[in-house]
């Protein structure tokens, strides 16, 4: 099976926890980079990213981004593996303010 490098997700986070990246059935996703941007000029946003293993949800990151701040999370080697039984979820303080871009590869 081959891996295809691609954009895995590009969205604005909601104020309540929701899916950020949920690979299709029979697919393994390898996340290499997550870029998170607070698009508000002044207000800080608390951003929470979680890993849901199909049964339990675990907080991976809890970040506070000031206005117009951008952070990049990089996962070396194989990357952060998210298989079809798991997914990334997340939220930010205010809906539609925080932009998330996830890149990596998928094997199906």
C-alpha atoms as a PDB file:
ATOM      1  CA  UNK A   1       0.000   0.000   0.000  1.00  0.00           C
ATOM      2  CA  UNK A   2       1.242   3.458  -0.856  1.00  0.00           C
ATOM      3  CA  UNK A   3       1.074   6.670   1.090  1.00  0.00           C
ATOM      4  CA  UNK A   4      -0.333   9.800  -0.546  1.00  0.00           C
ATOM      5  CA  UNK A   5       0.878  13.143   0.834  1.00  0.00           C
ATOM      6  CA  UNK A   6      -1.979  15.621   1.095  1.00  0.00           C
ATOM      7  CA  UNK A   7      -3.919  18.224   3.024  1.00  0.00           C
ATOM      8  CA  UNK A   8      -5.763  16.209   5.662  1.00  0.00           C
ATOM      9  CA  UNK A   9      -7.912  19.003   7.099  1.00  0.00           C
ATOM     10  CA  UNK A  10      -8.505  22.740   6.756  1.00  0.00           C
ATOM     11  CA  UNK A  11     -11.194  24.266   8.958  1.00  0.00           C
ATOM     12  CA  UNK A  12     -12.209  26.800  11.590  1.00  0.00           C
ATOM     13  CA  UNK A  13     -12.646  25.384  15.075  1.00  0.00           C
ATOM     14  CA  UNK A  14     -15.958  25.633  16.847  1.00  0.00           C
ATOM     15  CA  UNK A  15     -16.475  26.745  20.427  1.00  0.00           C
ATOM     16  CA  UNK A  16     -17.530  23.223  21.398  1.00  0.00           C
ATOM     17  CA  UNK A  17     -15.525  20.069  20.807  1.00  0.00           C
ATOM     18  CA  UNK A  18     -15.851  18.729  17.249  1.00  0.00           C
ATOM     19  CA  UNK A  19     -14.044  16.563  14.720  1.00  0.00           C
ATOM     20  CA  UNK A  20     -10.848  18.037  13.267  1.00  0.00           C
ATOM     21  CA  UNK A  21      -9.476  15.000  11.399  1.00  0.00           C
ATOM     22  CA  UNK A  22     -11.310  11.688  11.125  1.00  0.00           C
ATOM     23  CA  UNK A  23      -9.704   9.343   8.561  1.00  0.00           C
ATOM     24  CA  UNK A  24     -11.966   7.326   6.259  1.00  0.00           C
ATOM     25  CA  UNK A  25     -12.576   3.615   6.914  1.00  0.00           C
ATOM     26  CA  UNK A  26      -9.574   1.327   6.257  1.00  0.00           C
ATOM     27  CA  UNK A  27      -7.216   4.349   6.232  1.00  0.00           C
ATOM     28  CA  UNK A  28      -4.198   5.257   8.359  1.00  0.00           C
ATOM     29  CA  UNK A  29      -3.409   8.955   8.552  1.00  0.00           C
ATOM     30  CA  UNK A  30       0.075  10.187   9.406  1.00  0.00           C
ATOM     31  CA  UNK A  31       0.004  13.813  10.528  1.00  0.00           C
ATOM     32  CA  UNK A  32       3.247  15.689   9.868  1.00  0.00           C
ATOM     33  CA  UNK A  33       2.240  19.328  10.508  1.00  0.00           C
ATOM     34  CA  UNK A  34      -0.592  21.160  12.213  1.00  0.00           C
ATOM     35  CA  UNK A  35      -0.758  24.928  11.721  1.00  0.00           C
ATOM     36  CA  UNK A  36      -3.055  26.811  14.100  1.00  0.00           C
ATOM     37  CA  UNK A  37      -3.840  30.509  13.587  1.00  0.00           C
ATOM     38  CA  UNK A  38      -5.858  32.908  15.732  1.00  0.00           C
ATOM     39  CA  UNK A  39      -7.418  35.205  13.125  1.00  0.00           C
ATOM     40  CA  UNK A  40      -8.792  37.684  15.687  1.00  0.00           C
ATOM     41  CA  UNK A  41      -6.839  40.943  15.889  1.00  0.00           C
ATOM     42  CA  UNK A  42      -6.991  41.387  19.660  1.00  0.00           C
ATOM     43  CA  UNK A  43      -8.653  38.561  21.587  1.00  0.00           C
ATOM     44  CA  UNK A  44      -6.688  35.542  22.771  1.00  0.00           C
ATOM     45  CA  UNK A  45      -8.073  32.093  21.976  1.00  0.00           C
ATOM     46  CA  UNK A  46      -7.622  28.945  24.041  1.00  0.00           C
ATOM     47  CA  UNK A  47      -7.233  26.053  21.626  1.00  0.00           C
ATOM     48  CA  UNK A  48      -7.644  22.449  22.714  1.00  0.00           C
ATOM     49  CA  UNK A  49      -6.743  19.478  20.505  1.00  0.00           C
ATOM     50  CA  UNK A  50      -7.665  15.955  21.596  1.00  0.00           C
ATOM     51  CA  UNK A  51      -6.945  12.421  20.423  1.00  0.00           C
ATOM     52  CA  UNK A  52      -9.995  10.156  20.508  1.00  0.00           C
ATOM     53  CA  UNK A  53      -9.011   6.467  20.373  1.00  0.00           C
ATOM     54  CA  UNK A  54     -12.534   5.213  19.645  1.00  0.00           C
ATOM     55  CA  UNK A  55     -13.356   4.818  23.337  1.00  0.00           C
ATOM     56  CA  UNK A  56     -11.618   7.575  25.288  1.00  0.00           C
ATOM     57  CA  UNK A  57     -10.614  11.134  24.483  1.00  0.00           C
ATOM     58  CA  UNK A  58      -7.218  12.421  25.599  1.00  0.00           C
ATOM     59  CA  UNK A  59      -6.101  16.048  25.592  1.00  0.00           C
ATOM     60  CA  UNK A  60      -2.937  16.456  23.500  1.00  0.00           C
ATOM     61  CA  UNK A  61      -2.550  20.247  23.388  1.00  0.00           C
ATOM     62  CA  UNK A  62      -3.986  23.163  25.318  1.00  0.00           C
ATOM     63  CA  UNK A  63      -2.642  26.392  23.797  1.00  0.00           C
ATOM     64  CA  UNK A  64      -3.385  30.066  24.326  1.00  0.00           C
ATOM     65  CA  UNK A  65      -2.825  32.080  21.150  1.00  0.00           C
ATOM     66  CA  UNK A  66      -2.771  35.869  21.335  1.00  0.00           C
ATOM     67  CA  UNK A  67      -4.364  37.920  18.548  1.00  0.00           C
ATOM     68  CA  UNK A  68      -2.970  37.067  15.076  1.00  0.00           C
ATOM     69  CA  UNK A  69      -0.586  34.455  16.526  1.00  0.00           C
ATOM     70  CA  UNK A  70       0.263  31.308  14.560  1.00  0.00           C
ATOM     71  CA  UNK A  71       1.857  28.112  15.858  1.00  0.00           C
ATOM     72  CA  UNK A  72       3.080  25.062  13.986  1.00  0.00           C
ATOM     73  CA  UNK A  73       3.155  21.607  15.533  1.00  0.00           C
ATOM     74  CA  UNK A  74       5.538  19.257  13.737  1.00  0.00           C
ATOM     75  CA  UNK A  75       5.653  15.485  14.133  1.00  0.00           C
ATOM     76  CA  UNK A  76       8.936  13.905  13.013  1.00  0.00           C
ATOM     77  CA  UNK A  77       9.593  10.548  11.371  1.00  0.00           C
ATOM     78  CA  UNK A  78       6.323   8.693  10.700  1.00  0.00           C
ATOM     79  CA  UNK A  79       4.243  11.476  12.232  1.00  0.00           C
ATOM     80  CA  UNK A  80       1.257  11.303  14.552  1.00  0.00           C
ATOM     81  CA  UNK A  81      -0.699   8.198  13.498  1.00  0.00           C
ATOM     82  CA  UNK A  82      -4.485   8.449  13.420  1.00  0.00           C
ATOM     83  CA  UNK A  83      -6.143   5.269  12.183  1.00  0.00           C
ATOM     84  CA  UNK A  84      -9.738   4.656  11.111  1.00  0.00           C
ATOM     85  CA  UNK A  85     -10.720   3.784  14.701  1.00  0.00           C
ATOM     86  CA  UNK A  86      -9.452   7.110  16.055  1.00  0.00           C
ATOM     87  CA  UNK A  87      -9.668  10.832  15.283  1.00  0.00           C
ATOM     88  CA  UNK A  88      -8.524  14.300  16.325  1.00  0.00           C
ATOM     89  CA  UNK A  89     -11.077  16.625  17.874  1.00  0.00           C
ATOM     90  CA  UNK A  90     -10.789  20.195  19.066  1.00  0.00           C
ATOM     91  CA  UNK A  91     -12.267  23.527  20.050  1.00  0.00           C
ATOM     92  CA  UNK A  92     -11.331  27.140  20.672  1.00  0.00           C
ATOM     93  CA  UNK A  93     -12.716  29.885  22.890  1.00  0.00           C
ATOM     94  CA  UNK A  94     -14.846  31.461  20.156  1.00  0.00           C
ATOM     95  CA  UNK A  95     -16.345  29.718  17.127  1.00  0.00           C
ATOM     96  CA  UNK A  96     -14.995  30.466  13.637  1.00  0.00           C
ATOM     97  CA  UNK A  97     -11.945  32.434  14.846  1.00  0.00           C
ATOM     98  CA  UNK A  98      -9.195  29.798  14.968  1.00  0.00           C
ATOM     99  CA  UNK A  99      -8.022  28.276  11.668  1.00  0.00           C
ATOM    100  CA  UNK A 100      -6.434  24.807  11.564  1.00  0.00           C
ATOM    101  CA  UNK A 101      -4.529  23.287   8.641  1.00  0.00           C
ATOM    102  CA  UNK A 102      -3.317  19.675   8.904  1.00  0.00           C
ATOM    103  CA  UNK A 103      -0.964  18.099   6.376  1.00  0.00           C
ATOM    104  CA  UNK A 104       0.465  14.612   6.193  1.00  0.00           C
ATOM    105  CA  UNK A 105      -0.138  11.398   4.346  1.00  0.00           C
ATOM    106  CA  UNK A 106      -2.739   8.643   4.196  1.00  0.00           C
ATOM    107  CA  UNK A 107      -2.429   4.933   3.502  1.00  0.00           C
ATOM    108  CA  UNK A 108      -5.536   3.146   2.329  1.00  0.00           C
END
